[in-house]
């Protein structure tokens, strides 16, 4: 196919992966971002590339758990009370999707997308992307109670049916591979094929690769409006001028929904605030990335520091920091690791993860009557890093009018 000009709206991991893939295929690309490339959700996330974590957020029983969490102001899940018809509609749709049938269909699609992305990252690192901190040693789900271990084992069996390998560790096996843990845990599940990386470095590596092939990078460039003729976008109007293209990709995370409204496109994305705490490495230092399942806290060892990530807070576009929620993340991790009572905090981050009510991203063409040359690639929730390369391959196939490499029906924006 002849090379085309593509504008990607959003410079997070999804937009960066799209730029990398499209320039590899010979297309001319411009990325625009309202801030600094990679400094949104792609900066502070846990850094996991995890097919094992790729199940939709709405699941059987999740509403009962959410109700209990709501009574605790320091819980891993919180909805900020506010009058919002959009939020109420989103929650009603979320409730409708919290069933076994959706878990199975949606989980299978997400895992397939995640596994393709994991292979993509592996090849990218082998070809010279090692500076991204890519490491594939798996991750462990740590359990302090037998009940939680039973839940994680049940989930692992479901994921095994989708091709995700795992092994159950008893207490002795767990402490043999991860001696940094405090005593008292009952066991764990080790998902053996998972990987992790430095998310900002991965974004920067993809963007550099695209720039080396001629991509234009426009940071601190805010989209003001779309210039349309008939049912096509001719250009975007930005704070740095009018930019034309043949195709447009909307990959702006939580900002995709309000941008879509300007085109009359309904994209039900709720921003879910999450936190990350970067701290000086404890002694001993954990070896494996881990999920602390009782507290829903992610732990990622880094070069010289430790990252704790957690909470899902539906609070609109509120980016304020609630100290008690940050403190709850630290206290939760201290129950599992030898973290000092007053650890040295290097940085506290928060960001807005874009969540759809069915837990699946919106990947596909916008309604032809609104914007026939626009492709949506948003709503990846906490799985942006995990799903980005697979998303990029689908986006590139659509631009080139090729049959997609996987069934895209579960991700179709038309489902909304």
Protein backbone atom coordinates (compact mmCIF):
# COMPACT_ATOMS: atom_id res chain seq x y z
CA UNK A 1 0.00 0.00 0.00
CA UNK A 2 1.32 3.53 -0.76
CA UNK A 3 2.59 5.46 2.25
CA UNK A 4 0.02 7.71 3.91
CA UNK A 5 0.19 10.55 6.40
CA UNK A 6 -1.13 9.58 9.83
CA UNK A 7 -1.66 11.83 12.84
CA UNK A 8 -1.71 10.06 16.20
CA UNK A 9 -3.48 11.97 18.96
CA UNK A 10 -1.86 10.92 22.23
CA UNK A 11 1.76 10.20 23.12
CA UNK A 12 1.36 7.44 25.69
CA UNK A 13 2.38 3.83 25.19
CA UNK A 14 -0.50 3.08 22.77
CA UNK A 15 0.24 6.11 20.59
CA UNK A 16 3.99 5.40 20.73
CA UNK A 17 3.51 1.77 19.70
CA UNK A 18 1.25 2.86 16.82
CA UNK A 19 3.90 5.31 15.64
CA UNK A 20 6.60 2.63 15.81
CA UNK A 21 4.54 0.07 13.89
CA UNK A 22 3.26 2.52 11.25
CA UNK A 23 6.70 3.96 10.48
CA UNK A 24 8.07 0.42 10.26
CA UNK A 25 5.51 -0.14 7.51
CA UNK A 26 6.59 3.01 5.68
CA UNK A 27 3.88 5.47 6.70
CA UNK A 28 4.52 9.12 7.58
CA UNK A 29 3.53 9.81 11.16
CA UNK A 30 3.00 12.81 13.41
CA UNK A 31 2.34 12.36 17.15
CA UNK A 32 0.70 15.17 19.07
CA UNK A 33 0.40 15.23 22.84
CA UNK A 34 -0.94 17.86 25.22
CA UNK A 35 2.00 17.26 27.56
CA UNK A 36 5.37 15.52 27.43
CA UNK A 37 5.50 12.24 25.54
CA UNK A 38 5.09 9.30 27.92
CA UNK A 39 4.46 11.35 31.05
CA UNK A 40 0.81 10.46 31.54
CA UNK A 41 -0.28 6.98 32.60
CA UNK A 42 2.68 5.55 30.72
CA UNK A 43 5.03 7.06 33.29
CA UNK A 44 3.82 5.77 36.63
CA UNK A 45 2.17 2.44 35.91
CA UNK A 46 3.48 -0.81 37.37
CA UNK A 47 5.43 -1.60 34.19
CA UNK A 48 3.89 -5.03 33.76
CA UNK A 49 3.43 -6.89 30.49
CA UNK A 50 1.05 -9.51 31.78
CA UNK A 51 -1.36 -11.76 29.88
CA UNK A 52 -2.21 -13.17 33.32
CA UNK A 53 -3.67 -9.83 34.35
CA UNK A 54 -5.76 -9.54 31.20
CA UNK A 55 -9.26 -10.24 32.40
CA UNK A 56 -12.05 -7.66 32.14
CA UNK A 57 -12.67 -5.51 35.22
CA UNK A 58 -16.36 -6.46 35.50
CA UNK A 59 -16.40 -10.01 36.86
CA UNK A 60 -18.86 -12.15 38.82
CA UNK A 61 -18.85 -11.06 42.43
CA UNK A 62 -16.93 -7.84 41.83
CA UNK A 63 -19.90 -5.64 42.76
CA UNK A 64 -20.21 -7.27 46.18
CA UNK A 65 -16.50 -6.70 46.78
CA UNK A 66 -16.78 -3.14 45.55
CA UNK A 67 -19.60 -2.51 48.01
CA UNK A 68 -17.38 -3.61 50.91
CA UNK A 69 -14.49 -1.52 49.63
CA UNK A 70 -16.71 1.55 49.41
CA UNK A 71 -17.17 1.48 53.19
CA UNK A 72 -13.42 1.83 53.65
CA UNK A 73 -11.91 5.21 52.64
CA UNK A 74 -8.49 3.57 52.28
CA UNK A 75 -9.69 0.67 50.11
CA UNK A 76 -8.22 -0.17 46.68
CA UNK A 77 -11.51 0.85 45.02
CA UNK A 78 -13.38 4.10 45.51
CA UNK A 79 -16.10 6.12 43.75
CA UNK A 80 -16.12 9.82 44.53
CA UNK A 81 -19.72 10.81 45.27
CA UNK A 82 -20.94 13.18 42.56
CA UNK A 83 -24.02 13.75 40.44
CA UNK A 84 -23.08 12.48 36.99
CA UNK A 85 -25.45 10.79 34.56
CA UNK A 86 -22.45 9.57 32.58
CA UNK A 87 -21.03 7.83 35.66
CA UNK A 88 -24.40 6.28 36.53
CA UNK A 89 -24.77 4.96 32.99
CA UNK A 90 -21.22 3.63 33.09
CA UNK A 91 -21.85 1.83 36.40
CA UNK A 92 -25.10 0.31 35.09
CA UNK A 93 -23.28 -1.02 32.03
CA UNK A 94 -20.46 -2.30 34.24
CA UNK A 95 -23.00 -4.24 36.32
CA UNK A 96 -24.53 -5.80 33.18
CA UNK A 97 -21.13 -7.11 32.12
CA UNK A 98 -20.21 -8.64 35.49
CA UNK A 99 -21.06 -12.20 34.46
CA UNK A 100 -19.32 -15.46 33.57
CA UNK A 101 -20.10 -15.28 29.84
CA UNK A 102 -18.49 -11.86 29.45
CA UNK A 103 -15.53 -12.85 31.62
CA UNK A 104 -14.82 -15.79 29.32
CA UNK A 105 -15.36 -14.01 25.99
CA UNK A 106 -13.64 -10.81 27.01
CA UNK A 107 -10.81 -12.60 28.80
CA UNK A 108 -9.99 -14.76 25.80
CA UNK A 109 -9.80 -11.70 23.52
CA UNK A 110 -7.69 -9.68 25.97
CA UNK A 111 -5.26 -12.54 26.56
CA UNK A 112 -4.81 -13.06 22.82
CA UNK A 113 -4.02 -9.36 22.39
CA UNK A 114 -1.68 -9.43 25.41
CA UNK A 115 0.22 -12.51 24.24
CA UNK A 116 0.83 -10.97 20.81
CA UNK A 117 2.11 -7.85 22.56
CA UNK A 118 4.43 -9.86 24.79
CA UNK A 119 5.97 -11.51 21.74
CA UNK A 120 6.33 -8.09 20.11
CA UNK A 121 8.17 -6.69 23.14
CA UNK A 122 10.42 -9.75 23.29
CA UNK A 123 11.45 -9.26 19.67
CA UNK A 124 11.86 -5.50 20.14
CA UNK A 125 14.17 -6.01 23.13
CA UNK A 126 16.20 -8.64 21.26
CA UNK A 127 16.64 -6.24 18.35
CA UNK A 128 18.20 -3.55 20.50
CA UNK A 129 15.52 -2.34 22.87
CA UNK A 130 17.28 -3.68 25.97
CA UNK A 131 17.56 -0.14 27.42
CA UNK A 132 13.84 -0.33 28.17
CA UNK A 133 14.51 -2.58 31.17
CA UNK A 134 12.55 -5.41 29.58
CA UNK A 135 12.84 -8.52 31.75
CA UNK A 136 10.89 -11.76 31.45
CA UNK A 137 11.07 -13.69 34.71
CA UNK A 138 7.35 -13.95 35.38
CA UNK A 139 5.39 -12.47 38.25
CA UNK A 140 3.95 -13.84 41.47
CA UNK A 141 0.54 -13.37 43.07
CA UNK A 142 1.14 -13.36 46.83
CA UNK A 143 -1.54 -14.61 49.20
CA UNK A 144 -1.74 -14.13 52.94
CA UNK A 145 -4.81 -16.34 53.39
CA UNK A 146 -5.94 -19.72 52.12
CA UNK A 147 -9.15 -18.18 50.83
CA UNK A 148 -7.28 -15.72 48.63
CA UNK A 149 -4.98 -18.46 47.38
CA UNK A 150 -8.02 -20.49 46.35
CA UNK A 151 -9.36 -17.50 44.38
CA UNK A 152 -6.06 -16.92 42.59
CA UNK A 153 -5.68 -20.63 41.78
CA UNK A 154 -9.20 -20.62 40.32
CA UNK A 155 -8.31 -17.63 38.13
CA UNK A 156 -5.07 -19.31 37.07
CA UNK A 157 -7.04 -22.36 35.90
CA UNK A 158 -9.26 -20.11 33.77
CA UNK A 159 -6.22 -18.40 32.29
CA UNK A 160 -4.55 -21.76 31.62
CA UNK A 161 -7.44 -22.45 29.26
CA UNK A 162 -6.37 -19.34 27.33
CA UNK A 163 -2.75 -20.50 27.16
CA UNK A 164 -1.27 -18.60 30.12
CA UNK A 165 1.20 -20.83 32.02
CA UNK A 166 1.35 -20.80 35.81
CA UNK A 167 2.39 -22.93 38.76
CA UNK A 168 1.12 -22.93 42.32
CA UNK A 169 3.75 -22.39 45.00
CA UNK A 170 3.36 -23.64 48.54
CA UNK A 171 4.91 -21.69 51.39
CA UNK A 172 8.33 -23.34 51.16
CA UNK A 173 8.56 -22.97 47.38
CA UNK A 174 7.53 -19.31 47.62
CA UNK A 175 10.16 -18.35 50.18
CA UNK A 176 12.79 -20.27 48.25
CA UNK A 177 12.35 -18.06 45.16
CA UNK A 178 11.53 -14.81 47.00
CA UNK A 179 13.45 -14.54 50.30
CA UNK A 180 12.61 -10.83 50.60
CA UNK A 181 9.15 -11.66 51.98
CA UNK A 182 8.06 -11.40 55.59
CA UNK A 183 6.96 -14.68 57.20
CA UNK A 184 3.31 -15.66 57.35
CA UNK A 185 2.22 -15.97 53.72
CA UNK A 186 0.43 -19.18 52.77
CA UNK A 187 1.56 -19.45 49.16
CA UNK A 188 1.42 -17.90 45.70
CA UNK A 189 0.80 -18.45 42.03
CA UNK A 190 3.77 -17.86 39.75
CA UNK A 191 2.79 -16.82 36.23
CA UNK A 192 6.01 -17.89 34.59
CA UNK A 193 5.95 -16.16 31.19
CA UNK A 194 5.13 -12.58 32.24
CA UNK A 195 7.49 -9.66 31.77
CA UNK A 196 8.05 -6.15 33.03
CA UNK A 197 9.82 -3.06 31.75
CA UNK A 198 10.36 0.62 32.48
CA UNK A 199 7.21 2.08 30.88
CA UNK A 200 8.60 5.55 30.19
CA UNK A 201 11.71 4.10 28.61
CA UNK A 202 9.58 1.82 26.45
CA UNK A 203 7.55 4.78 25.21
CA UNK A 204 10.73 6.72 24.51
CA UNK A 205 12.26 3.77 22.66
CA UNK A 206 9.21 3.37 20.42
CA UNK A 207 9.07 7.12 19.74
CA UNK A 208 12.80 7.32 18.99
CA UNK A 209 12.45 4.42 16.57
CA UNK A 210 9.59 6.24 14.84
CA UNK A 211 11.49 9.56 14.82
CA UNK A 212 14.55 7.88 13.32
CA UNK A 213 12.29 6.89 10.42
CA UNK A 214 11.01 10.42 9.97
CA UNK A 215 8.11 10.76 12.42
CA UNK A 216 7.32 14.26 13.69
CA UNK A 217 6.90 14.58 17.46
CA UNK A 218 4.76 17.49 18.72
CA UNK A 219 4.83 17.78 22.50
CA UNK A 220 2.87 20.38 24.48
CA UNK A 221 0.49 20.53 21.55
CA UNK A 222 -3.16 20.71 22.53
CA UNK A 223 -5.90 19.70 20.14
CA UNK A 224 -8.45 22.50 19.87
CA UNK A 225 -10.83 21.12 17.27
CA UNK A 226 -11.27 18.97 14.17
CA UNK A 227 -11.55 20.43 10.69
CA UNK A 228 -14.07 18.24 8.85
CA UNK A 229 -15.48 18.15 5.36
CA UNK A 230 -18.48 15.90 4.82
CA UNK A 231 -17.70 12.77 6.87
CA UNK A 232 -13.90 13.00 6.90
CA UNK A 233 -11.37 14.81 9.04
CA UNK A 234 -9.13 16.99 6.91
CA UNK A 235 -6.97 18.39 9.69
CA UNK A 236 -6.71 18.98 13.41
CA UNK A 237 -6.54 22.48 14.80
CA UNK A 238 -3.94 22.66 17.55
CA UNK A 239 -2.17 25.19 19.71
CA UNK A 240 0.72 24.86 17.25
CA UNK A 241 -1.23 25.26 14.07
CA UNK A 242 -3.32 23.27 11.61
CA UNK A 243 -2.05 19.76 10.85
CA UNK A 244 -3.34 17.75 7.88
CA UNK A 245 -3.31 13.97 7.36
CA UNK A 246 -4.95 11.13 5.48
CA UNK A 247 -5.74 9.13 8.61
CA UNK A 248 -6.11 9.96 12.30
CA UNK A 249 -5.70 7.73 15.37
CA UNK A 250 -7.31 8.74 18.66
CA UNK A 251 -5.14 7.26 21.43
CA UNK A 252 -5.53 9.93 24.09
CA UNK A 253 -6.47 7.71 27.03
CA UNK A 254 -8.95 9.35 29.40
CA UNK A 255 -9.07 12.43 27.19
CA UNK A 256 -10.38 10.39 24.24
CA UNK A 257 -13.98 10.61 25.42
CA UNK A 258 -14.25 14.43 25.49
CA UNK A 259 -12.34 14.66 22.21
CA UNK A 260 -14.68 12.13 20.65
CA UNK A 261 -17.68 14.22 21.71
CA UNK A 262 -16.47 17.01 19.44
CA UNK A 263 -17.08 14.64 16.55
CA UNK A 264 -20.36 13.32 17.92
CA UNK A 265 -18.76 10.00 18.89
CA UNK A 266 -19.93 8.26 22.07
CA UNK A 267 -16.98 6.71 23.88
CA UNK A 268 -17.95 5.76 27.46
CA UNK A 269 -14.61 6.05 29.21
CA UNK A 270 -14.34 6.87 32.89
CA UNK A 271 -10.96 8.06 34.21
CA UNK A 272 -9.81 5.85 37.08
CA UNK A 273 -7.15 7.45 39.22
CA UNK A 274 -4.27 5.28 40.32
CA UNK A 275 -1.17 5.96 42.38
CA UNK A 276 2.45 4.88 42.26
CA UNK A 277 5.01 5.29 45.02
CA UNK A 278 8.69 5.16 44.10
CA UNK A 279 10.83 4.43 47.15
CA UNK A 280 14.42 3.71 47.97
CA UNK A 281 15.05 -0.01 47.64
CA UNK A 282 14.50 -1.97 50.85
CA UNK A 283 16.87 -4.57 52.24
CA UNK A 284 16.38 -7.28 51.17
CA UNK A 285 15.19 -6.19 47.73
CA UNK A 286 12.33 -8.18 46.11
CA UNK A 287 13.31 -10.20 43.06
CA UNK A 288 9.97 -10.66 41.31
CA UNK A 289 7.19 -8.29 40.32
CA UNK A 290 4.25 -9.21 42.50
CA UNK A 291 0.57 -8.62 43.07
CA UNK A 292 -0.43 -8.43 46.73
CA UNK A 293 -3.88 -9.84 46.17
CA UNK A 294 -5.51 -9.00 49.50
CA UNK A 295 -4.66 -5.32 48.99
CA UNK A 296 -4.60 -5.08 45.17
CA UNK A 297 -1.13 -3.56 45.25
CA UNK A 298 1.43 -4.09 42.52
CA UNK A 299 5.12 -4.30 43.42
CA UNK A 300 7.85 -3.84 40.82
CA UNK A 301 11.60 -4.04 41.54
CA UNK A 302 13.59 -1.40 39.65
CA UNK A 303 17.25 -0.55 39.31
CA UNK A 304 17.94 1.09 42.67
CA UNK A 305 14.34 1.56 43.77
CA UNK A 306 11.02 -0.15 44.36
CA UNK A 307 7.70 0.86 42.83
CA UNK A 308 4.34 0.28 44.52
CA UNK A 309 1.20 0.84 42.45
CA UNK A 310 -2.44 0.62 43.38
CA UNK A 311 -6.00 1.91 43.80
CA UNK A 312 -8.80 2.45 41.31
CA UNK A 313 -10.58 5.69 42.10
CA UNK A 314 -13.50 6.84 39.94
CA UNK A 315 -13.27 10.55 40.64
CA UNK A 316 -13.69 12.16 37.22
CA UNK A 317 -10.76 14.17 35.89
CA UNK A 318 -9.56 14.88 39.45
CA UNK A 319 -5.78 14.52 39.60
CA UNK A 320 -5.35 15.55 43.24
CA UNK A 321 -3.37 13.34 45.61
CA UNK A 322 -5.10 11.85 48.66
CA UNK A 323 -2.39 11.18 51.22
CA UNK A 324 -4.31 8.54 53.17
CA UNK A 325 -4.64 6.41 50.03
CA UNK A 326 -0.91 6.68 49.37
CA UNK A 327 -0.22 5.73 52.98
CA UNK A 328 -2.54 2.71 52.63
CA UNK A 329 -0.49 1.46 49.67
CA UNK A 330 2.73 1.72 51.67
CA UNK A 331 1.24 0.01 54.74
CA UNK A 332 -0.15 -2.78 52.60
CA UNK A 333 3.28 -3.48 51.11
CA UNK A 334 4.92 -3.37 54.55
CA UNK A 335 2.82 -6.39 55.55
CA UNK A 336 4.56 -8.45 52.88
CA UNK A 337 8.09 -7.01 52.62
CA UNK A 338 10.77 -5.63 54.94
CA UNK A 339 9.99 -2.02 54.07
CA UNK A 340 11.07 0.44 56.82
CA UNK A 341 8.39 2.07 58.94
CA UNK A 342 9.29 5.39 57.34
CA UNK A 343 10.70 4.55 53.89
CA UNK A 344 12.52 7.15 51.85
CA UNK A 345 10.02 8.22 49.21
CA UNK A 346 11.59 9.26 45.93
CA UNK A 347 8.39 10.22 44.11
CA UNK A 348 4.61 9.98 44.35
CA UNK A 349 2.73 9.78 41.06
CA UNK A 350 -0.92 9.65 40.12
CA UNK A 351 -2.59 9.25 36.76
CA UNK A 352 -5.94 8.65 35.11
CA UNK A 353 -6.43 5.20 33.56
CA UNK A 354 -9.11 5.10 30.82
CA UNK A 355 -11.75 2.50 31.71
CA UNK A 356 -14.66 1.33 29.58
CA UNK A 357 -17.68 -0.24 31.35
CA UNK A 358 -17.05 -3.70 29.87
CA UNK A 359 -13.31 -3.68 30.63
CA UNK A 360 -12.26 -3.97 26.97
CA UNK A 361 -10.51 -1.27 24.95
CA UNK A 362 -12.19 0.45 22.01
CA UNK A 363 -10.10 -0.44 18.95
CA UNK A 364 -11.58 0.11 15.52
CA UNK A 365 -12.96 2.63 13.06
CA UNK A 366 -15.09 5.52 14.24
CA UNK A 367 -18.61 5.69 12.82
CA UNK A 368 -18.24 6.40 9.11
CA UNK A 369 -20.94 9.05 9.28
CA UNK A 370 -18.86 11.01 11.80
CA UNK A 371 -15.24 10.51 10.82
CA UNK A 372 -14.58 7.86 8.18
CA UNK A 373 -10.79 8.26 8.42
CA UNK A 374 -10.52 8.10 12.23
CA UNK A 375 -9.46 4.99 14.15
CA UNK A 376 -10.09 4.71 17.87
CA UNK A 377 -7.47 3.10 20.13
CA UNK A 378 -8.46 3.98 23.68
CA UNK A 379 -9.88 2.56 26.89
CA UNK A 380 -7.05 0.19 27.84
CA UNK A 381 -7.57 0.79 31.58
CA UNK A 382 -4.58 -0.64 33.52
CA UNK A 383 -3.40 -2.68 30.52
CA UNK A 384 -1.95 0.02 28.28
CA UNK A 385 1.59 -1.35 28.38
CA UNK A 386 0.36 -4.94 28.16
CA UNK A 387 -1.84 -4.37 25.10
CA UNK A 388 -0.13 -1.55 23.19
CA UNK A 389 1.84 -3.43 20.48
CA UNK A 390 -1.08 -5.72 19.65
CA UNK A 391 -3.29 -2.64 19.38
CA UNK A 392 -0.73 -0.98 17.10
CA UNK A 393 -0.69 -3.95 14.74
CA UNK A 394 -4.50 -3.84 14.50
CA UNK A 395 -4.46 -0.09 13.85
CA UNK A 396 -1.86 -0.47 11.10
CA UNK A 397 -3.84 -3.30 9.47
CA UNK A 398 -6.96 -1.11 9.42
CA UNK A 399 -5.12 1.81 7.84
CA UNK A 400 -3.78 -0.54 5.17
CA UNK A 401 -7.22 -2.14 4.66
CA UNK A 402 -5.83 -5.57 5.57
CA UNK A 403 -7.69 -8.34 7.34
CA UNK A 404 -6.76 -7.99 11.02
CA UNK A 405 -4.58 -10.70 12.54
CA UNK A 406 -7.23 -11.43 15.22
CA UNK A 407 -10.98 -11.13 15.59
CA UNK A 408 -11.60 -7.49 16.52
CA UNK A 409 -15.30 -7.88 17.27
CA UNK A 410 -14.91 -7.75 21.09
CA UNK A 411 -13.09 -4.41 20.78
CA UNK A 412 -15.37 -2.75 18.21
CA UNK A 413 -16.33 0.82 19.21
CA UNK A 414 -19.70 0.13 17.58
CA UNK A 415 -20.66 -1.93 20.68
CA UNK A 416 -21.25 1.37 22.48
